[in-house]
């Protein structure tokens, strides 16, 4: 069977000769196939080129976003470290308040308010940025839990302190005057006889005329002159507590007067059996002398 052929006539404009071309069918089919393949390949590469440009733009944008987020997370980490420091100060103050007011301390394991790590539904990420973000999230969560704990703690402390306030107001908890503690309670050599005798309080050496303050609320039950103590004052604070002050140069209270913490009692002197200006200070509990330093909870005490 003879192969089919197709003729193509090319008619030029004007008076040119008509050109006749005869093409075999297989050539026409082959050309059409090649043209189709070229067209398809061109579209494929065009789409690929466009997609590559879009992906590169997205990648560049993601890199910029990562840098921005990394900087933000870094700033958050610095802020959290600062907050942790402040949180540590709050915890320390809470513990000091509990110590001062003889309240039970919070166990360290409770203060850690332990929590689990971040959960991502079983997915694992290898990105350091995500790891940093999860650490920040965990720190924030822990700080929030600690704040809840401290709020509850301060509420508890407040309620307990209110109940103890009357007792605390009458506890001799501050040093009566500024100075240096030159002698403590216990046996010591008498400066006048050289013999070992019991010293029932502490001696606070300071300048003559230094103001002596009441260390707690109470009532003046005795004041005046004694051969050994010189000018002296005795305060009854209730709860079986009394305080004694000796060798004063001046007494500014009178018997029966009610005083409050930090009220002025008198001035330091060297009256009675004294080798120099100082305050002799005693604390008695159930009429027995005890160490006054055991009651100092908010003072700077100097020792020589």
C-alpha atoms as a PDB file:
ATOM      1  CA  UNK A   1       0.000   0.000   0.000  1.00  0.00           C
ATOM      2  CA  UNK A   2       1.546   3.291  -1.040  1.00  0.00           C
ATOM      3  CA  UNK A   3       2.336   5.681   1.803  1.00  0.00           C
ATOM      4  CA  UNK A   4       0.210   8.780   2.013  1.00  0.00           C
ATOM      5  CA  UNK A   5       1.795  12.069   1.299  1.00  0.00           C
ATOM      6  CA  UNK A   6       0.613  15.609   1.889  1.00  0.00           C
ATOM      7  CA  UNK A   7       1.304  18.598  -0.256  1.00  0.00           C
ATOM      8  CA  UNK A   8       1.867  22.063   1.102  1.00  0.00           C
ATOM      9  CA  UNK A   9       1.362  25.027  -1.180  1.00  0.00           C
ATOM     10  CA  UNK A  10       3.205  28.248  -0.404  1.00  0.00           C
ATOM     11  CA  UNK A  11       1.647  31.194  -2.232  1.00  0.00           C
ATOM     12  CA  UNK A  12       3.774  34.341  -2.065  1.00  0.00           C
ATOM     13  CA  UNK A  13       2.243  37.795  -2.265  1.00  0.00           C
ATOM     14  CA  UNK A  14       2.335  39.540  -5.564  1.00  0.00           C
ATOM     15  CA  UNK A  15       3.320  37.657  -8.680  1.00  0.00           C
ATOM     16  CA  UNK A  16       5.765  35.156  -7.215  1.00  0.00           C
ATOM     17  CA  UNK A  17       5.637  31.515  -8.214  1.00  0.00           C
ATOM     18  CA  UNK A  18       3.636  29.101  -6.117  1.00  0.00           C
ATOM     19  CA  UNK A  19       5.848  26.688  -4.237  1.00  0.00           C
ATOM     20  CA  UNK A  20       4.622  23.175  -3.740  1.00  0.00           C
ATOM     21  CA  UNK A  21       6.139  20.924  -1.070  1.00  0.00           C
ATOM     22  CA  UNK A  22       5.246  17.302  -0.679  1.00  0.00           C
ATOM     23  CA  UNK A  23       5.656  15.765   2.874  1.00  0.00           C
ATOM     24  CA  UNK A  24       5.357  12.188   3.938  1.00  0.00           C
ATOM     25  CA  UNK A  25       2.848  11.390   6.692  1.00  0.00           C
ATOM     26  CA  UNK A  26       5.517  10.019   9.095  1.00  0.00           C
ATOM     27  CA  UNK A  27       7.422  13.280   8.865  1.00  0.00           C
ATOM     28  CA  UNK A  28       4.365  15.302   9.791  1.00  0.00           C
ATOM     29  CA  UNK A  29       3.565  12.977  12.725  1.00  0.00           C
ATOM     30  CA  UNK A  30       7.185  13.020  13.917  1.00  0.00           C
ATOM     31  CA  UNK A  31       7.273  16.813  13.797  1.00  0.00           C
ATOM     32  CA  UNK A  32       4.028  17.073  15.719  1.00  0.00           C
ATOM     33  CA  UNK A  33       5.336  14.652  18.372  1.00  0.00           C
ATOM     34  CA  UNK A  34       8.622  16.529  18.691  1.00  0.00           C
ATOM     35  CA  UNK A  35       6.788  19.833  18.963  1.00  0.00           C
ATOM     36  CA  UNK A  36       4.500  18.430  21.643  1.00  0.00           C
ATOM     37  CA  UNK A  37       7.468  17.035  23.602  1.00  0.00           C
ATOM     38  CA  UNK A  38       9.275  20.372  23.345  1.00  0.00           C
ATOM     39  CA  UNK A  39       6.180  22.201  24.526  1.00  0.00           C
ATOM     40  CA  UNK A  40       5.665  19.832  27.489  1.00  0.00           C
ATOM     41  CA  UNK A  41       9.352  19.959  28.480  1.00  0.00           C
ATOM     42  CA  UNK A  42       9.309  23.772  28.275  1.00  0.00           C
ATOM     43  CA  UNK A  43       6.270  23.941  30.556  1.00  0.00           C
ATOM     44  CA  UNK A  44       7.860  21.480  33.007  1.00  0.00           C
ATOM     45  CA  UNK A  45      11.115  23.430  33.238  1.00  0.00           C
ATOM     46  CA  UNK A  46       9.219  26.698  33.414  1.00  0.00           C
ATOM     47  CA  UNK A  47       7.173  25.464  36.367  1.00  0.00           C
ATOM     48  CA  UNK A  48      10.315  24.083  37.991  1.00  0.00           C
ATOM     49  CA  UNK A  49      12.144  27.384  37.566  1.00  0.00           C
ATOM     50  CA  UNK A  50       9.201  29.338  38.977  1.00  0.00           C
ATOM     51  CA  UNK A  51       8.842  26.935  41.922  1.00  0.00           C
ATOM     52  CA  UNK A  52      12.579  27.129  42.639  1.00  0.00           C
ATOM     53  CA  UNK A  53      12.402  30.918  42.755  1.00  0.00           C
ATOM     54  CA  UNK A  54       9.389  30.764  45.090  1.00  0.00           C
ATOM     55  CA  UNK A  55      11.125  28.204  47.337  1.00  0.00           C
ATOM     56  CA  UNK A  56      14.285  30.307  47.475  1.00  0.00           C
ATOM     57  CA  UNK A  57      12.251  33.366  48.430  1.00  0.00           C
ATOM     58  CA  UNK A  58      10.445  31.368  51.124  1.00  0.00           C
ATOM     59  CA  UNK A  59      13.748  29.961  52.403  1.00  0.00           C
ATOM     60  CA  UNK A  60      15.272  33.429  52.608  1.00  0.00           C
ATOM     61  CA  UNK A  61      12.162  34.681  54.435  1.00  0.00           C
ATOM     62  CA  UNK A  62      12.287  31.729  56.854  1.00  0.00           C
ATOM     63  CA  UNK A  63      15.972  32.385  57.552  1.00  0.00           C
ATOM     64  CA  UNK A  64      15.178  36.018  58.355  1.00  0.00           C
ATOM     65  CA  UNK A  65      12.307  34.912  60.589  1.00  0.00           C
ATOM     66  CA  UNK A  66      14.578  32.418  62.359  1.00  0.00           C
ATOM     67  CA  UNK A  67      17.157  35.130  63.039  1.00  0.00           C
ATOM     68  CA  UNK A  68      14.444  37.437  64.392  1.00  0.00           C
ATOM     69  CA  UNK A  69      12.929  34.705  66.566  1.00  0.00           C
ATOM     70  CA  UNK A  70      16.350  33.656  67.812  1.00  0.00           C
ATOM     71  CA  UNK A  71      17.069  37.243  68.875  1.00  0.00           C
ATOM     72  CA  UNK A  72      13.654  37.475  70.561  1.00  0.00           C
ATOM     73  CA  UNK A  73      14.165  34.191  72.391  1.00  0.00           C
ATOM     74  CA  UNK A  74      17.606  35.394  73.490  1.00  0.00           C
ATOM     75  CA  UNK A  75      16.034  38.556  74.927  1.00  0.00           C
ATOM     76  CA  UNK A  76      13.368  36.461  76.658  1.00  0.00           C
ATOM     77  CA  UNK A  77      16.036  34.234  78.190  1.00  0.00           C
ATOM     78  CA  UNK A  78      17.850  37.302  79.569  1.00  0.00           C
ATOM     79  CA  UNK A  79      14.591  38.648  80.999  1.00  0.00           C
ATOM     80  CA  UNK A  80      13.800  35.281  82.552  1.00  0.00           C
ATOM     81  CA  UNK A  81      17.235  35.129  84.189  1.00  0.00           C
ATOM     82  CA  UNK A  82      16.551  38.567  85.687  1.00  0.00           C
ATOM     83  CA  UNK A  83      13.123  37.413  86.882  1.00  0.00           C
ATOM     84  CA  UNK A  84      14.721  34.298  88.387  1.00  0.00           C
ATOM     85  CA  UNK A  85      17.043  36.553  90.394  1.00  0.00           C
ATOM     86  CA  UNK A  86      14.096  38.597  91.636  1.00  0.00           C
ATOM     87  CA  UNK A  87      12.220  35.398  92.410  1.00  0.00           C
ATOM     88  CA  UNK A  88      15.184  34.166  94.464  1.00  0.00           C
ATOM     89  CA  UNK A  89      15.106  37.438  96.451  1.00  0.00           C
ATOM     90  CA  UNK A  90      11.371  37.008  97.109  1.00  0.00           C
ATOM     91  CA  UNK A  91      11.944  33.429  98.295  1.00  0.00           C
ATOM     92  CA  UNK A  92      14.819  34.572 100.519  1.00  0.00           C
ATOM     93  CA  UNK A  93      12.640  37.284 102.069  1.00  0.00           C
ATOM     94  CA  UNK A  94       9.874  34.774 102.642  1.00  0.00           C
ATOM     95  CA  UNK A  95      12.296  32.453 104.430  1.00  0.00           C
ATOM     96  CA  UNK A  96      13.686  35.340 106.527  1.00  0.00           C
ATOM     97  CA  UNK A  97      10.184  36.400 107.563  1.00  0.00           C
ATOM     98  CA  UNK A  98       9.391  32.808 108.537  1.00  0.00           C
ATOM     99  CA  UNK A  99      12.640  32.628 110.521  1.00  0.00           C
ATOM    100  CA  UNK A 100      12.014  35.945 112.268  1.00  0.00           C
ATOM    101  CA  UNK A 101       8.479  35.051 113.269  1.00  0.00           C
ATOM    102  CA  UNK A 102       9.275  31.436 114.132  1.00  0.00           C
ATOM    103  CA  UNK A 103       7.087  30.031 111.354  1.00  0.00           C
ATOM    104  CA  UNK A 104       7.745  26.679 109.633  1.00  0.00           C
ATOM    105  CA  UNK A 105       9.969  26.837 106.564  1.00  0.00           C
ATOM    106  CA  UNK A 106       8.793  25.602 103.152  1.00  0.00           C
ATOM    107  CA  UNK A 107      10.636  22.468 102.053  1.00  0.00           C
ATOM    108  CA  UNK A 108      13.045  23.019  99.162  1.00  0.00           C
ATOM    109  CA  UNK A 109      11.469  20.207  97.143  1.00  0.00           C
ATOM    110  CA  UNK A 110       8.138  22.037  97.322  1.00  0.00           C
ATOM    111  CA  UNK A 111       9.763  25.336  96.317  1.00  0.00           C
ATOM    112  CA  UNK A 112      11.148  23.649  93.193  1.00  0.00           C
ATOM    113  CA  UNK A 113       7.511  23.131  92.046  1.00  0.00           C
ATOM    114  CA  UNK A 114       8.709  20.446  89.643  1.00  0.00           C
ATOM    115  CA  UNK A 115       6.941  20.061  86.306  1.00  0.00           C
ATOM    116  CA  UNK A 116       7.293  17.857  83.251  1.00  0.00           C
ATOM    117  CA  UNK A 117       9.096  18.875  80.094  1.00  0.00           C
ATOM    118  CA  UNK A 118       7.369  20.352  77.042  1.00  0.00           C
ATOM    119  CA  UNK A 119       5.092  17.985  75.118  1.00  0.00           C
ATOM    120  CA  UNK A 120       4.850  18.049  71.329  1.00  0.00           C
ATOM    121  CA  UNK A 121       2.501  15.124  70.800  1.00  0.00           C
ATOM    122  CA  UNK A 122       5.269  12.599  70.217  1.00  0.00           C
ATOM    123  CA  UNK A 123       7.004  14.662  67.541  1.00  0.00           C
ATOM    124  CA  UNK A 124      10.735  15.211  67.742  1.00  0.00           C
ATOM    125  CA  UNK A 125      12.282  18.424  66.491  1.00  0.00           C
ATOM    126  CA  UNK A 126      15.966  18.790  65.762  1.00  0.00           C
ATOM    127  CA  UNK A 127      15.824  22.576  65.662  1.00  0.00           C
ATOM    128  CA  UNK A 128      17.934  24.344  68.332  1.00  0.00           C
ATOM    129  CA  UNK A 129      15.481  27.239  68.071  1.00  0.00           C
ATOM    130  CA  UNK A 130      12.571  25.024  69.106  1.00  0.00           C
ATOM    131  CA  UNK A 131      14.641  23.590  71.955  1.00  0.00           C
ATOM    132  CA  UNK A 132      15.389  27.118  73.206  1.00  0.00           C
ATOM    133  CA  UNK A 133      11.727  28.070  72.891  1.00  0.00           C
ATOM    134  CA  UNK A 134      10.681  24.995  74.872  1.00  0.00           C
ATOM    135  CA  UNK A 135      13.216  25.844  77.603  1.00  0.00           C
ATOM    136  CA  UNK A 136      11.846  29.386  77.811  1.00  0.00           C
ATOM    137  CA  UNK A 137       8.310  27.990  78.022  1.00  0.00           C
ATOM    138  CA  UNK A 138       9.347  25.629  80.807  1.00  0.00           C
ATOM    139  CA  UNK A 139      11.076  28.434  82.759  1.00  0.00           C
ATOM    140  CA  UNK A 140       8.039  30.697  82.457  1.00  0.00           C
ATOM    141  CA  UNK A 141       5.760  27.883  83.603  1.00  0.00           C
ATOM    142  CA  UNK A 142       7.964  27.225  86.627  1.00  0.00           C
ATOM    143  CA  UNK A 143       8.128  30.919  87.566  1.00  0.00           C
ATOM    144  CA  UNK A 144       4.334  31.173  87.359  1.00  0.00           C
ATOM    145  CA  UNK A 145       4.031  28.152  89.650  1.00  0.00           C
ATOM    146  CA  UNK A 146       6.535  29.690  92.077  1.00  0.00           C
ATOM    147  CA  UNK A 147       4.564  32.945  92.074  1.00  0.00           C
ATOM    148  CA  UNK A 148       1.405  31.020  92.927  1.00  0.00           C
ATOM    149  CA  UNK A 149       3.281  29.303  95.743  1.00  0.00           C
ATOM    150  CA  UNK A 150       4.693  32.594  97.093  1.00  0.00           C
ATOM    151  CA  UNK A 151       1.273  34.263  96.969  1.00  0.00           C
ATOM    152  CA  UNK A 152      -0.132  31.393  99.000  1.00  0.00           C
ATOM    153  CA  UNK A 153       2.884  31.523 101.340  1.00  0.00           C
ATOM    154  CA  UNK A 154       2.602  35.257 101.999  1.00  0.00           C
ATOM    155  CA  UNK A 155      -1.105  34.862 102.642  1.00  0.00           C
ATOM    156  CA  UNK A 156      -0.359  32.124 105.174  1.00  0.00           C
ATOM    157  CA  UNK A 157       2.453  34.164 106.771  1.00  0.00           C
ATOM    158  CA  UNK A 158       0.203  37.226 107.008  1.00  0.00           C
ATOM    159  CA  UNK A 159      -2.533  35.310 108.796  1.00  0.00           C
ATOM    160  CA  UNK A 160      -0.089  33.681 111.225  1.00  0.00           C
ATOM    161  CA  UNK A 161       1.799  36.932 111.891  1.00  0.00           C
ATOM    162  CA  UNK A 162      -1.505  38.700 112.656  1.00  0.00           C
ATOM    163  CA  UNK A 163      -2.173  36.076 115.280  1.00  0.00           C
ATOM    164  CA  UNK A 164       1.287  36.546 116.805  1.00  0.00           C
ATOM    165  CA  UNK A 165       1.465  40.329 116.504  1.00  0.00           C
ATOM    166  CA  UNK A 166       0.556  41.025 120.105  1.00  0.00           C
ATOM    167  CA  UNK A 167       3.264  38.632 121.310  1.00  0.00           C
ATOM    168  CA  UNK A 168       5.808  39.955 118.808  1.00  0.00           C
ATOM    169  CA  UNK A 169       5.188  43.577 119.779  1.00  0.00           C
ATOM    170  CA  UNK A 170       6.168  42.693 123.339  1.00  0.00           C
ATOM    171  CA  UNK A 171       9.275  40.681 122.436  1.00  0.00           C
ATOM    172  CA  UNK A 172      12.590  42.600 122.989  1.00  0.00           C
ATOM    173  CA  UNK A 173      13.838  41.981 119.459  1.00  0.00           C
ATOM    174  CA  UNK A 174      16.121  44.944 118.725  1.00  0.00           C
ATOM    175  CA  UNK A 175      19.369  46.086 120.307  1.00  0.00           C
ATOM    176  CA  UNK A 176      18.574  49.091 122.551  1.00  0.00           C
ATOM    177  CA  UNK A 177      21.370  51.348 121.323  1.00  0.00           C
ATOM    178  CA  UNK A 178      24.198  51.560 118.819  1.00  0.00           C
ATOM    179  CA  UNK A 179      27.616  50.422 119.962  1.00  0.00           C
ATOM    180  CA  UNK A 180      29.975  47.501 120.433  1.00  0.00           C
ATOM    181  CA  UNK A 181      29.170  44.486 122.596  1.00  0.00           C
ATOM    182  CA  UNK A 182      32.233  44.318 124.816  1.00  0.00           C
ATOM    183  CA  UNK A 183      31.015  41.751 127.300  1.00  0.00           C
ATOM    184  CA  UNK A 184      28.489  38.933 127.075  1.00  0.00           C
ATOM    185  CA  UNK A 185      26.449  36.950 129.539  1.00  0.00           C
ATOM    186  CA  UNK A 186      28.213  34.419 131.755  1.00  0.00           C
ATOM    187  CA  UNK A 187      31.253  34.249 134.014  1.00  0.00           C
ATOM    188  CA  UNK A 188      33.813  37.039 133.722  1.00  0.00           C
ATOM    189  CA  UNK A 189      36.462  38.785 135.800  1.00  0.00           C
ATOM    190  CA  UNK A 190      35.076  41.658 137.865  1.00  0.00           C
ATOM    191  CA  UNK A 191      36.933  44.822 136.734  1.00  0.00           C
ATOM    192  CA  UNK A 192      37.001  46.135 140.329  1.00  0.00           C
ATOM    193  CA  UNK A 193      37.874  43.007 142.375  1.00  0.00           C
ATOM    194  CA  UNK A 194      39.500  40.740 139.766  1.00  0.00           C
ATOM    195  CA  UNK A 195      37.298  37.857 140.956  1.00  0.00           C
ATOM    196  CA  UNK A 196      35.263  35.628 138.612  1.00  0.00           C
ATOM    197  CA  UNK A 197      31.593  36.609 138.855  1.00  0.00           C
ATOM    198  CA  UNK A 198      28.482  35.973 136.802  1.00  0.00           C
ATOM    199  CA  UNK A 199      27.517  38.719 134.369  1.00  0.00           C
ATOM    200  CA  UNK A 200      23.746  38.618 133.829  1.00  0.00           C
ATOM    201  CA  UNK A 201      23.580  40.638 130.619  1.00  0.00           C
ATOM    202  CA  UNK A 202      25.639  42.274 127.892  1.00  0.00           C
ATOM    203  CA  UNK A 203      27.616  45.512 127.914  1.00  0.00           C
ATOM    204  CA  UNK A 204      27.264  47.780 124.890  1.00  0.00           C
ATOM    205  CA  UNK A 205      30.107  50.298 124.755  1.00  0.00           C
ATOM    206  CA  UNK A 206      29.232  53.595 123.104  1.00  0.00           C
ATOM    207  CA  UNK A 207      29.523  57.352 123.579  1.00  0.00           C
ATOM    208  CA  UNK A 208      28.008  59.013 126.605  1.00  0.00           C
ATOM    209  CA  UNK A 209      24.629  60.494 125.727  1.00  0.00           C
ATOM    210  CA  UNK A 210      23.794  57.863 123.081  1.00  0.00           C
ATOM    211  CA  UNK A 211      20.018  57.379 123.001  1.00  0.00           C
ATOM    212  CA  UNK A 212      18.622  54.172 124.500  1.00  0.00           C
ATOM    213  CA  UNK A 213      15.420  52.842 122.878  1.00  0.00           C
ATOM    214  CA  UNK A 214      12.797  50.434 124.160  1.00  0.00           C
ATOM    215  CA  UNK A 215      13.293  47.091 122.361  1.00  0.00           C
ATOM    216  CA  UNK A 216       9.575  46.222 122.632  1.00  0.00           C
ATOM    217  CA  UNK A 217       6.261  47.340 124.054  1.00  0.00           C
ATOM    218  CA  UNK A 218       5.900  47.178 127.830  1.00  0.00           C
ATOM    219  CA  UNK A 219       5.380  49.032 131.090  1.00  0.00           C
ATOM    220  CA  UNK A 220       8.046  50.663 133.266  1.00  0.00           C
ATOM    221  CA  UNK A 221       7.874  48.741 136.564  1.00  0.00           C
ATOM    222  CA  UNK A 222      10.922  50.291 138.192  1.00  0.00           C
ATOM    223  CA  UNK A 223      13.446  53.059 137.604  1.00  0.00           C
ATOM    224  CA  UNK A 224      15.790  55.114 139.752  1.00  0.00           C
ATOM    225  CA  UNK A 225      19.189  54.711 141.381  1.00  0.00           C
ATOM    226  CA  UNK A 226      21.090  51.584 142.415  1.00  0.00           C
ATOM    227  CA  UNK A 227      24.595  51.461 143.879  1.00  0.00           C
ATOM    228  CA  UNK A 228      25.759  48.908 141.343  1.00  0.00           C
ATOM    229  CA  UNK A 229      23.594  49.695 138.294  1.00  0.00           C
ATOM    230  CA  UNK A 230      23.585  53.466 138.755  1.00  0.00           C
ATOM    231  CA  UNK A 231      20.616  54.988 137.000  1.00  0.00           C
ATOM    232  CA  UNK A 232      18.510  52.022 135.922  1.00  0.00           C
ATOM    233  CA  UNK A 233      15.195  51.097 134.275  1.00  0.00           C
ATOM    234  CA  UNK A 234      13.163  47.869 134.354  1.00  0.00           C
ATOM    235  CA  UNK A 235      10.441  47.148 131.759  1.00  0.00           C
ATOM    236  CA  UNK A 236       7.848  44.382 132.061  1.00  0.00           C
ATOM    237  CA  UNK A 237       6.948  43.231 128.530  1.00  0.00           C
ATOM    238  CA  UNK A 238       4.460  40.580 129.582  1.00  0.00           C
ATOM    239  CA  UNK A 239       4.759  36.907 128.613  1.00  0.00           C
ATOM    240  CA  UNK A 240       7.218  36.495 131.538  1.00  0.00           C
ATOM    241  CA  UNK A 241       9.764  38.815 129.875  1.00  0.00           C
ATOM    242  CA  UNK A 242      11.525  41.761 131.519  1.00  0.00           C
ATOM    243  CA  UNK A 243      14.427  43.928 130.392  1.00  0.00           C
ATOM    244  CA  UNK A 244      16.947  45.834 132.553  1.00  0.00           C
ATOM    245  CA  UNK A 245      19.040  48.896 131.648  1.00  0.00           C
ATOM    246  CA  UNK A 246      21.922  50.148 133.783  1.00  0.00           C
ATOM    247  CA  UNK A 247      24.552  52.920 134.106  1.00  0.00           C
ATOM    248  CA  UNK A 248      22.347  55.493 132.367  1.00  0.00           C
ATOM    249  CA  UNK A 249      23.334  59.151 132.469  1.00  0.00           C
ATOM    250  CA  UNK A 250      19.716  60.245 132.063  1.00  0.00           C
ATOM    251  CA  UNK A 251      16.303  58.604 132.568  1.00  0.00           C
ATOM    252  CA  UNK A 252      13.461  59.941 130.409  1.00  0.00           C
ATOM    253  CA  UNK A 253      10.605  57.703 131.597  1.00  0.00           C
ATOM    254  CA  UNK A 254       8.806  57.192 134.878  1.00  0.00           C
ATOM    255  CA  UNK A 255       7.426  54.260 136.782  1.00  0.00           C
ATOM    256  CA  UNK A 256       4.054  53.046 135.508  1.00  0.00           C
ATOM    257  CA  UNK A 257       4.546  54.568 132.053  1.00  0.00           C
ATOM    258  CA  UNK A 258       3.648  52.417 129.017  1.00  0.00           C
ATOM    259  CA  UNK A 259       6.249  52.471 126.229  1.00  0.00           C
ATOM    260  CA  UNK A 260       6.369  51.075 122.709  1.00  0.00           C
ATOM    261  CA  UNK A 261       9.257  49.714 120.680  1.00  0.00           C
ATOM    262  CA  UNK A 262      11.730  52.489 119.695  1.00  0.00           C
ATOM    263  CA  UNK A 263      10.446  54.937 122.355  1.00  0.00           C
ATOM    264  CA  UNK A 264      13.330  56.796 124.064  1.00  0.00           C
ATOM    265  CA  UNK A 265      14.105  55.479 127.569  1.00  0.00           C
ATOM    266  CA  UNK A 266      17.157  57.558 128.381  1.00  0.00           C
ATOM    267  CA  UNK A 267      20.813  58.080 127.526  1.00  0.00           C
ATOM    268  CA  UNK A 268      23.971  56.011 127.952  1.00  0.00           C
ATOM    269  CA  UNK A 269      26.237  56.994 130.839  1.00  0.00           C
ATOM    270  CA  UNK A 270      28.743  55.597 133.347  1.00  0.00           C
ATOM    271  CA  UNK A 271      26.865  55.783 136.644  1.00  0.00           C
ATOM    272  CA  UNK A 272      27.186  53.210 139.438  1.00  0.00           C
ATOM    273  CA  UNK A 273      29.957  50.590 139.298  1.00  0.00           C
ATOM    274  CA  UNK A 274      31.228  51.358 135.822  1.00  0.00           C
ATOM    275  CA  UNK A 275      34.642  51.829 134.251  1.00  0.00           C
ATOM    276  CA  UNK A 276      33.393  53.860 131.274  1.00  0.00           C
ATOM    277  CA  UNK A 277      30.315  54.879 129.313  1.00  0.00           C
ATOM    278  CA  UNK A 278      28.274  51.841 128.254  1.00  0.00           C
ATOM    279  CA  UNK A 279      24.796  50.337 128.547  1.00  0.00           C
ATOM    280  CA  UNK A 280      24.339  47.267 130.705  1.00  0.00           C
ATOM    281  CA  UNK A 281      21.379  45.378 129.198  1.00  0.00           C
ATOM    282  CA  UNK A 282      19.648  42.293 130.564  1.00  0.00           C
ATOM    283  CA  UNK A 283      16.722  40.135 129.432  1.00  0.00           C
ATOM    284  CA  UNK A 284      14.957  38.009 132.070  1.00  0.00           C
ATOM    285  CA  UNK A 285      12.513  35.215 131.307  1.00  0.00           C
ATOM    286  CA  UNK A 286      10.588  33.790 134.241  1.00  0.00           C
ATOM    287  CA  UNK A 287      12.804  35.961 136.465  1.00  0.00           C
ATOM    288  CA  UNK A 288      15.955  34.228 135.167  1.00  0.00           C
ATOM    289  CA  UNK A 289      18.593  36.060 133.057  1.00  0.00           C
ATOM    290  CA  UNK A 290      18.890  34.805 129.484  1.00  0.00           C
ATOM    291  CA  UNK A 291      21.148  35.848 126.587  1.00  0.00           C
ATOM    292  CA  UNK A 292      19.731  39.085 125.054  1.00  0.00           C
ATOM    293  CA  UNK A 293      21.403  38.307 121.736  1.00  0.00           C
ATOM    294  CA  UNK A 294      19.035  35.358 121.291  1.00  0.00           C
ATOM    295  CA  UNK A 295      16.222  37.866 120.832  1.00  0.00           C
ATOM    296  CA  UNK A 296      17.923  40.193 118.342  1.00  0.00           C
ATOM    297  CA  UNK A 297      16.254  39.564 114.984  1.00  0.00           C
ATOM    298  CA  UNK A 298      16.676  42.829 113.117  1.00  0.00           C
ATOM    299  CA  UNK A 299      19.850  44.592 114.221  1.00  0.00           C
ATOM    300  CA  UNK A 300      23.483  45.077 113.329  1.00  0.00           C
ATOM    301  CA  UNK A 301      25.432  43.767 116.285  1.00  0.00           C
ATOM    302  CA  UNK A 302      29.103  44.706 116.598  1.00  0.00           C
ATOM    303  CA  UNK A 303      31.425  42.514 118.627  1.00  0.00           C
ATOM    304  CA  UNK A 304      34.934  43.448 119.740  1.00  0.00           C
END
